[in-house]
Amino acid sequence: MNKCKRCLLAELADKDNVYAHVQKVRALLSKEEKATQEKYHERLSTCLKCDNLLEATCQKCGCYVEIRALKIDSDCPIKKW
């Protein structure tokens, strides 16, 4: 299988279990802890353009970007957002 460069969990073929985890994390965060939908999508848009994104994972810190982008106080390990 080819490595998916610059994609998100929602786009991976075997994404269901991991993407379900993203949804659980989102549900567990309080409104005060969550980034707005606009901010969340803005962050993911930035990640999609980054050369450090590989199979939905940030190669700089090892996180799934869709989880990191959820929290309002999270930031990009290389300061892109």
C-alpha atoms as a PDB file:
ATOM      1  CA  MET A   1       0.000   0.000   0.000  1.00  0.00           C
ATOM      2  CA  ASN A   2       1.284   3.451  -0.876  1.00  0.00           C
ATOM      3  CA  LYS A   3       1.907   5.918   1.912  1.00  0.00           C
ATOM      4  CA  CYS A   4      -0.625   8.713   1.922  1.00  0.00           C
ATOM      5  CA  LYS A   5       1.149  12.024   2.050  1.00  0.00           C
ATOM      6  CA  ARG A   6      -0.714  15.035   3.344  1.00  0.00           C
ATOM      7  CA  CYS A   7      -3.987  13.354   4.148  1.00  0.00           C
ATOM      8  CA  LEU A   8      -6.245  13.204   7.172  1.00  0.00           C
ATOM      9  CA  LEU A   9      -7.686  10.209   9.001  1.00  0.00           C
ATOM     10  CA  ALA A  10     -11.007  10.785   7.288  1.00  0.00           C
ATOM     11  CA  GLU A  11      -9.312  10.033   3.956  1.00  0.00           C
ATOM     12  CA  LEU A  12      -7.424   6.864   4.903  1.00  0.00           C
ATOM     13  CA  ALA A  13      -8.747   3.481   3.785  1.00  0.00           C
ATOM     14  CA  ASP A  14      -8.499   1.874   7.244  1.00  0.00           C
ATOM     15  CA  LYS A  15      -9.469   4.974   9.142  1.00  0.00           C
ATOM     16  CA  ASP A  16     -12.659   3.921  10.900  1.00  0.00           C
ATOM     17  CA  ASN A  17     -11.285   2.828  14.268  1.00  0.00           C
ATOM     18  CA  VAL A  18      -8.847   5.703  14.630  1.00  0.00           C
ATOM     19  CA  TYR A  19     -11.243   8.323  13.296  1.00  0.00           C
ATOM     20  CA  ALA A  20     -13.880   7.045  15.753  1.00  0.00           C
ATOM     21  CA  HIS A  21     -11.328   7.793  18.472  1.00  0.00           C
ATOM     22  CA  VAL A  22     -11.065  11.390  17.209  1.00  0.00           C
ATOM     23  CA  GLN A  23     -14.829  11.709  17.537  1.00  0.00           C
ATOM     24  CA  LYS A  24     -14.704  10.321  21.098  1.00  0.00           C
ATOM     25  CA  VAL A  25     -11.993  12.804  22.068  1.00  0.00           C
ATOM     26  CA  ARG A  26     -14.071  15.632  20.592  1.00  0.00           C
ATOM     27  CA  ALA A  27     -17.102  14.523  22.619  1.00  0.00           C
ATOM     28  CA  LEU A  28     -15.090  14.351  25.845  1.00  0.00           C
ATOM     29  CA  LEU A  29     -13.729  17.895  25.585  1.00  0.00           C
ATOM     30  CA  SER A  30     -15.686  20.667  27.220  1.00  0.00           C
ATOM     31  CA  LYS A  31     -16.725  23.656  25.138  1.00  0.00           C
ATOM     32  CA  GLU A  32     -14.002  25.695  26.853  1.00  0.00           C
ATOM     33  CA  GLU A  33     -11.345  23.155  25.821  1.00  0.00           C
ATOM     34  CA  LYS A  34     -12.374  22.849  22.166  1.00  0.00           C
ATOM     35  CA  ALA A  35     -11.145  24.967  19.305  1.00  0.00           C
ATOM     36  CA  THR A  36     -14.007  26.409  17.270  1.00  0.00           C
ATOM     37  CA  GLN A  37     -14.996  24.481  14.147  1.00  0.00           C
ATOM     38  CA  GLU A  38     -13.546  27.333  12.077  1.00  0.00           C
ATOM     39  CA  LYS A  39     -10.217  27.210  13.944  1.00  0.00           C
ATOM     40  CA  TYR A  40     -10.150  23.401  13.764  1.00  0.00           C
ATOM     41  CA  HIS A  41     -10.607  23.385   9.994  1.00  0.00           C
ATOM     42  CA  GLU A  42      -8.126  26.243   9.570  1.00  0.00           C
ATOM     43  CA  ARG A  43      -5.518  24.233  11.476  1.00  0.00           C
ATOM     44  CA  LEU A  44      -6.172  21.087   9.437  1.00  0.00           C
ATOM     45  CA  SER A  45      -5.921  23.084   6.221  1.00  0.00           C
ATOM     46  CA  THR A  46      -2.468  24.228   7.321  1.00  0.00           C
ATOM     47  CA  CYS A  47      -1.476  20.661   8.189  1.00  0.00           C
ATOM     48  CA  LEU A  48      -2.622  19.399   4.791  1.00  0.00           C
ATOM     49  CA  LYS A  49      -0.089  21.725   3.145  1.00  0.00           C
ATOM     50  CA  CYS A  50       2.773  20.677   5.411  1.00  0.00           C
ATOM     51  CA  ASP A  51       5.542  18.349   4.237  1.00  0.00           C
ATOM     52  CA  ASN A  52       5.667  16.847   7.748  1.00  0.00           C
ATOM     53  CA  LEU A  53       2.198  15.283   7.429  1.00  0.00           C
ATOM     54  CA  LEU A  54       2.264  11.576   6.607  1.00  0.00           C
ATOM     55  CA  GLU A  55      -0.723   9.262   6.933  1.00  0.00           C
ATOM     56  CA  ALA A  56      -2.570  11.767   9.138  1.00  0.00           C
ATOM     57  CA  THR A  57       0.422  11.905  11.499  1.00  0.00           C
ATOM     58  CA  CYS A  58       2.692  14.849  12.220  1.00  0.00           C
ATOM     59  CA  GLN A  59       6.235  13.603  11.639  1.00  0.00           C
ATOM     60  CA  LYS A  60       7.618  16.257  14.009  1.00  0.00           C
ATOM     61  CA  CYS A  61       5.713  15.188  17.130  1.00  0.00           C
ATOM     62  CA  GLY A  62       4.013  11.901  16.207  1.00  0.00           C
ATOM     63  CA  CYS A  63       0.459  13.055  16.913  1.00  0.00           C
ATOM     64  CA  TYR A  64      -2.626  12.577  14.792  1.00  0.00           C
ATOM     65  CA  VAL A  65      -3.182  16.134  13.638  1.00  0.00           C
ATOM     66  CA  GLU A  66      -6.957  15.778  13.858  1.00  0.00           C
ATOM     67  CA  ILE A  67      -6.669  15.185  17.591  1.00  0.00           C
ATOM     68  CA  ARG A  68      -4.059  17.865  18.239  1.00  0.00           C
ATOM     69  CA  ALA A  69      -6.110  20.460  16.335  1.00  0.00           C
ATOM     70  CA  LEU A  70      -9.180  19.833  18.528  1.00  0.00           C
ATOM     71  CA  LYS A  71      -7.866  21.481  21.686  1.00  0.00           C
ATOM     72  CA  ILE A  72      -7.918  25.250  21.857  1.00  0.00           C
ATOM     73  CA  ASP A  73      -4.591  25.433  23.694  1.00  0.00           C
ATOM     74  CA  SER A  74      -2.716  23.070  21.340  1.00  0.00           C
ATOM     75  CA  ASP A  75      -0.164  24.377  18.924  1.00  0.00           C
ATOM     76  CA  CYS A  76       1.854  23.142  15.979  1.00  0.00           C
ATOM     77  CA  PRO A  77       5.273  21.763  16.955  1.00  0.00           C
ATOM     78  CA  ILE A  78       6.883  23.868  14.213  1.00  0.00           C
ATOM     79  CA  LYS A  79       4.739  26.943  14.902  1.00  0.00           C
ATOM     80  CA  LYS A  80       2.621  26.925  11.740  1.00  0.00           C
ATOM     81  CA  TRP A  81      -0.486  27.481  13.875  1.00  0.00           C
END
